[in-house]
């Protein structure tokens, strides 16, 4: 008796848990996003001491976060659903 056999028909797509990708946003901190279904979504932000942030766009076609730091420093972080990343430091 093979009653412990859990095999059977399936689509062969054993969906693994999706993991966030974390990108460094210059001296301001880091941004974590998840890519799934042709879209990207914001999953977390880590901010360096002395920095603050604003979320301009939290998902869909892109994620965009502005960081504001000491002495008027600014960092703009953007990642598109196709995984193109842009970090601009002023």
C-alpha atoms as a PDB file:
ATOM      1  CA  UNK A   1       0.000   0.000   0.000  1.00  0.00           C
ATOM      2  CA  UNK A   2       1.461   3.338  -1.050  1.00  0.00           C
ATOM      3  CA  UNK A   3      -0.926   5.466   1.019  1.00  0.00           C
ATOM      4  CA  UNK A   4       1.936   7.750   2.092  1.00  0.00           C
ATOM      5  CA  UNK A   5       2.708   8.652  -1.516  1.00  0.00           C
ATOM      6  CA  UNK A   6       1.597  12.254  -2.014  1.00  0.00           C
ATOM      7  CA  UNK A   7       2.499  12.356  -5.685  1.00  0.00           C
ATOM      8  CA  UNK A   8      -0.134  12.979  -8.277  1.00  0.00           C
ATOM      9  CA  UNK A   9      -0.982  15.051 -11.254  1.00  0.00           C
ATOM     10  CA  UNK A  10       0.204  18.630 -11.087  1.00  0.00           C
ATOM     11  CA  UNK A  11       1.419  21.423 -13.238  1.00  0.00           C
ATOM     12  CA  UNK A  12       5.061  20.775 -12.295  1.00  0.00           C
ATOM     13  CA  UNK A  13       5.226  24.286 -10.828  1.00  0.00           C
ATOM     14  CA  UNK A  14       5.997  23.856  -7.164  1.00  0.00           C
ATOM     15  CA  UNK A  15       5.694  27.505  -6.233  1.00  0.00           C
ATOM     16  CA  UNK A  16       8.476  28.452  -3.868  1.00  0.00           C
ATOM     17  CA  UNK A  17       8.004  31.316  -1.465  1.00  0.00           C
ATOM     18  CA  UNK A  18       8.870  34.571  -3.169  1.00  0.00           C
ATOM     19  CA  UNK A  19      11.708  36.521  -1.624  1.00  0.00           C
ATOM     20  CA  UNK A  20      12.181  40.269  -1.561  1.00  0.00           C
ATOM     21  CA  UNK A  21      15.175  41.841  -3.267  1.00  0.00           C
ATOM     22  CA  UNK A  22      16.974  44.576  -1.336  1.00  0.00           C
ATOM     23  CA  UNK A  23      18.762  47.471  -3.030  1.00  0.00           C
ATOM     24  CA  UNK A  24      21.074  50.054  -1.458  1.00  0.00           C
ATOM     25  CA  UNK A  25      19.923  53.647  -1.839  1.00  0.00           C
ATOM     26  CA  UNK A  26      23.307  55.300  -1.475  1.00  0.00           C
ATOM     27  CA  UNK A  27      24.031  56.639   2.013  1.00  0.00           C
ATOM     28  CA  UNK A  28      20.288  56.947   2.783  1.00  0.00           C
ATOM     29  CA  UNK A  29      19.534  53.284   3.466  1.00  0.00           C
ATOM     30  CA  UNK A  30      17.943  50.476   1.495  1.00  0.00           C
ATOM     31  CA  UNK A  31      14.690  49.533  -0.212  1.00  0.00           C
ATOM     32  CA  UNK A  32      13.219  46.016  -0.414  1.00  0.00           C
ATOM     33  CA  UNK A  33      10.838  45.047  -3.197  1.00  0.00           C
ATOM     34  CA  UNK A  34       9.105  41.952  -4.494  1.00  0.00           C
ATOM     35  CA  UNK A  35       8.802  41.106  -8.189  1.00  0.00           C
ATOM     36  CA  UNK A  36       5.770  38.977  -9.084  1.00  0.00           C
ATOM     37  CA  UNK A  37       3.302  38.734 -11.926  1.00  0.00           C
ATOM     38  CA  UNK A  38       5.057  41.361 -14.027  1.00  0.00           C
ATOM     39  CA  UNK A  39       4.765  43.941 -11.259  1.00  0.00           C
ATOM     40  CA  UNK A  40       6.901  45.192  -8.398  1.00  0.00           C
ATOM     41  CA  UNK A  41       5.778  46.050  -4.870  1.00  0.00           C
ATOM     42  CA  UNK A  42       7.461  47.758  -1.938  1.00  0.00           C
ATOM     43  CA  UNK A  43       8.059  45.426   1.007  1.00  0.00           C
ATOM     44  CA  UNK A  44      10.326  47.462   3.269  1.00  0.00           C
ATOM     45  CA  UNK A  45      12.592  50.440   3.808  1.00  0.00           C
ATOM     46  CA  UNK A  46      15.624  50.714   6.096  1.00  0.00           C
ATOM     47  CA  UNK A  47      16.751  54.279   6.783  1.00  0.00           C
ATOM     48  CA  UNK A  48      20.216  55.401   7.854  1.00  0.00           C
ATOM     49  CA  UNK A  49      20.543  57.632  10.927  1.00  0.00           C
ATOM     50  CA  UNK A  50      19.614  61.232  10.168  1.00  0.00           C
ATOM     51  CA  UNK A  51      17.591  60.370   7.043  1.00  0.00           C
ATOM     52  CA  UNK A  52      13.835  60.460   6.376  1.00  0.00           C
ATOM     53  CA  UNK A  53      11.864  59.170   3.399  1.00  0.00           C
ATOM     54  CA  UNK A  54       8.731  59.685   1.313  1.00  0.00           C
ATOM     55  CA  UNK A  55       7.097  56.939  -0.717  1.00  0.00           C
ATOM     56  CA  UNK A  56       6.183  58.367  -4.113  1.00  0.00           C
ATOM     57  CA  UNK A  57       4.977  55.106  -5.667  1.00  0.00           C
ATOM     58  CA  UNK A  58       4.592  51.792  -3.798  1.00  0.00           C
ATOM     59  CA  UNK A  59       4.058  49.324  -6.614  1.00  0.00           C
ATOM     60  CA  UNK A  60       2.645  48.240  -9.926  1.00  0.00           C
ATOM     61  CA  UNK A  61       4.892  49.406 -12.751  1.00  0.00           C
ATOM     62  CA  UNK A  62       7.512  50.826 -10.378  1.00  0.00           C
ATOM     63  CA  UNK A  63       8.508  51.686  -6.818  1.00  0.00           C
ATOM     64  CA  UNK A  64       9.853  55.163  -6.110  1.00  0.00           C
ATOM     65  CA  UNK A  65      11.168  56.461  -2.786  1.00  0.00           C
ATOM     66  CA  UNK A  66      12.742  59.848  -1.981  1.00  0.00           C
ATOM     67  CA  UNK A  67      15.174  60.096   0.923  1.00  0.00           C
ATOM     68  CA  UNK A  68      16.037  63.404   2.622  1.00  0.00           C
ATOM     69  CA  UNK A  69      19.164  63.581   4.708  1.00  0.00           C
ATOM     70  CA  UNK A  70      21.452  65.803   6.691  1.00  0.00           C
ATOM     71  CA  UNK A  71      22.602  69.053   5.153  1.00  0.00           C
ATOM     72  CA  UNK A  72      19.906  68.980   2.474  1.00  0.00           C
ATOM     73  CA  UNK A  73      21.175  65.767   0.882  1.00  0.00           C
ATOM     74  CA  UNK A  74      18.627  63.929  -1.274  1.00  0.00           C
ATOM     75  CA  UNK A  75      18.539  60.452  -2.777  1.00  0.00           C
ATOM     76  CA  UNK A  76      15.896  59.335  -5.269  1.00  0.00           C
ATOM     77  CA  UNK A  77      15.474  55.578  -5.634  1.00  0.00           C
ATOM     78  CA  UNK A  78      13.392  53.945  -8.369  1.00  0.00           C
ATOM     79  CA  UNK A  79      13.040  50.345  -9.509  1.00  0.00           C
ATOM     80  CA  UNK A  80      10.823  49.331 -12.418  1.00  0.00           C
ATOM     81  CA  UNK A  81       8.880  46.082 -12.765  1.00  0.00           C
ATOM     82  CA  UNK A  82      11.502  44.957 -15.311  1.00  0.00           C
ATOM     83  CA  UNK A  83      14.127  45.287 -12.524  1.00  0.00           C
ATOM     84  CA  UNK A  84      15.798  48.427 -13.871  1.00  0.00           C
ATOM     85  CA  UNK A  85      17.158  50.399 -10.921  1.00  0.00           C
ATOM     86  CA  UNK A  86      17.980  54.113 -10.761  1.00  0.00           C
ATOM     87  CA  UNK A  87      19.564  55.852  -7.783  1.00  0.00           C
ATOM     88  CA  UNK A  88      20.165  59.607  -8.030  1.00  0.00           C
ATOM     89  CA  UNK A  89      22.163  61.279  -5.283  1.00  0.00           C
ATOM     90  CA  UNK A  90      22.074  65.086  -4.881  1.00  0.00           C
END
